[in-house]
Amino acid sequence: MSKIRVKQDESFEKALRRFKKKCNKEGIMQRLKEMRHYEKPSEKRRRKLAKAVARQVAERTEREY
């Protein structure tokens, strides 16, 4: 569970922004989306492979330019 301490004289919006950033960094929302529905092991492998391929393509295009 992510926690933040609200600093004195800190607005609610700023504290909420820090909380959301911390949750994104820890991957909480991503895990929640993944666990919302059951995903078969073959689908997990396919998703991870597609993510790895996309990452490699992005790295390759970055190196070329």
C-alpha atoms as a PDB file:
ATOM      1  CA  MET A   1       0.000   0.000   0.000  1.00  0.00           C
ATOM      2  CA  SER A   2       1.470   3.317  -1.049  1.00  0.00           C
ATOM      3  CA  LYS A   3       1.491   6.108   1.447  1.00  0.00           C
ATOM      4  CA  ILE A   4       2.567   9.701   1.280  1.00  0.00           C
ATOM      5  CA  ARG A   5       2.785  12.309   3.963  1.00  0.00           C
ATOM      6  CA  VAL A   6       0.999  15.523   3.111  1.00  0.00           C
ATOM      7  CA  LYS A   7       3.362  18.372   3.796  1.00  0.00           C
ATOM      8  CA  GLN A   8       2.217  21.392   5.705  1.00  0.00           C
ATOM      9  CA  ASP A   9       0.659  24.037   3.415  1.00  0.00           C
ATOM     10  CA  GLU A  10       0.582  21.524   0.525  1.00  0.00           C
ATOM     11  CA  SER A  11      -2.508  21.584  -1.645  1.00  0.00           C
ATOM     12  CA  PHE A  12      -4.642  18.494  -2.066  1.00  0.00           C
ATOM     13  CA  GLU A  13      -4.045  18.483  -5.827  1.00  0.00           C
ATOM     14  CA  LYS A  14      -0.278  18.449  -5.380  1.00  0.00           C
ATOM     15  CA  ALA A  15      -0.447  15.635  -2.816  1.00  0.00           C
ATOM     16  CA  LEU A  16      -2.748  13.635  -5.096  1.00  0.00           C
ATOM     17  CA  ARG A  17      -0.329  14.146  -7.996  1.00  0.00           C
ATOM     18  CA  ARG A  18       2.565  12.841  -5.855  1.00  0.00           C
ATOM     19  CA  PHE A  19       0.472   9.842  -4.799  1.00  0.00           C
ATOM     20  CA  LYS A  20      -0.460   8.976  -8.391  1.00  0.00           C
ATOM     21  CA  LYS A  21       3.163   9.296  -9.483  1.00  0.00           C
ATOM     22  CA  LYS A  22       4.263   6.968  -6.681  1.00  0.00           C
ATOM     23  CA  CYS A  23       1.575   4.409  -7.608  1.00  0.00           C
ATOM     24  CA  ASN A  24       2.647   4.497 -11.260  1.00  0.00           C
ATOM     25  CA  LYS A  25       6.277   4.027 -10.269  1.00  0.00           C
ATOM     26  CA  GLU A  26       5.393   0.982  -8.156  1.00  0.00           C
ATOM     27  CA  GLY A  27       3.210  -0.455 -10.943  1.00  0.00           C
ATOM     28  CA  ILE A  28       0.054  -0.702  -8.842  1.00  0.00           C
ATOM     29  CA  MET A  29      -2.365   0.397 -11.558  1.00  0.00           C
ATOM     30  CA  GLN A  30      -0.758  -1.896 -14.128  1.00  0.00           C
ATOM     31  CA  ARG A  31      -1.060  -4.869 -11.765  1.00  0.00           C
ATOM     32  CA  LEU A  32      -4.681  -3.973 -11.063  1.00  0.00           C
ATOM     33  CA  LYS A  33      -5.490  -3.911 -14.780  1.00  0.00           C
ATOM     34  CA  GLU A  34      -3.741  -7.254 -15.290  1.00  0.00           C
ATOM     35  CA  MET A  35      -5.592  -8.938 -12.427  1.00  0.00           C
ATOM     36  CA  ARG A  36      -9.024  -7.593 -13.312  1.00  0.00           C
ATOM     37  CA  HIS A  37      -9.640 -10.604 -15.578  1.00  0.00           C
ATOM     38  CA  TYR A  38      -8.021 -14.019 -15.680  1.00  0.00           C
ATOM     39  CA  GLU A  39      -5.296 -14.261 -18.273  1.00  0.00           C
ATOM     40  CA  LYS A  40      -4.205 -17.650 -19.535  1.00  0.00           C
ATOM     41  CA  PRO A  41      -0.489 -18.432 -19.302  1.00  0.00           C
ATOM     42  CA  SER A  42      -0.224 -18.544 -23.099  1.00  0.00           C
ATOM     43  CA  GLU A  43      -1.761 -15.062 -23.307  1.00  0.00           C
ATOM     44  CA  LYS A  44       0.724 -13.781 -20.719  1.00  0.00           C
ATOM     45  CA  ARG A  45       3.634 -15.166 -22.732  1.00  0.00           C
ATOM     46  CA  ARG A  46       2.239 -13.653 -25.929  1.00  0.00           C
ATOM     47  CA  ARG A  47       1.783 -10.250 -24.255  1.00  0.00           C
ATOM     48  CA  LYS A  48       5.290 -10.290 -22.769  1.00  0.00           C
ATOM     49  CA  LEU A  49       6.794 -11.321 -26.108  1.00  0.00           C
ATOM     50  CA  ALA A  50       4.969  -8.517 -27.921  1.00  0.00           C
ATOM     51  CA  LYS A  51       6.182  -6.026 -25.321  1.00  0.00           C
ATOM     52  CA  ALA A  52       9.776  -7.255 -25.691  1.00  0.00           C
ATOM     53  CA  VAL A  53       9.612  -7.032 -29.487  1.00  0.00           C
ATOM     54  CA  ALA A  54       8.235  -3.485 -29.299  1.00  0.00           C
ATOM     55  CA  ARG A  55      11.016  -2.517 -26.884  1.00  0.00           C
ATOM     56  CA  GLN A  56      13.675  -3.973 -29.218  1.00  0.00           C
ATOM     57  CA  VAL A  57      12.235  -2.161 -32.228  1.00  0.00           C
ATOM     58  CA  ALA A  58      12.226   1.113 -30.293  1.00  0.00           C
ATOM     59  CA  GLU A  59      15.845   0.605 -29.205  1.00  0.00           C
ATOM     60  CA  ARG A  60      16.898  -0.272 -32.746  1.00  0.00           C
ATOM     61  CA  THR A  61      15.246   2.814 -34.239  1.00  0.00           C
ATOM     62  CA  GLU A  62      16.789   4.974 -31.513  1.00  0.00           C
ATOM     63  CA  ARG A  63      20.272   3.641 -32.304  1.00  0.00           C
ATOM     64  CA  GLU A  64      19.824   4.202 -36.043  1.00  0.00           C
ATOM     65  CA  TYR A  65      19.024   7.902 -35.666  1.00  0.00           C
END
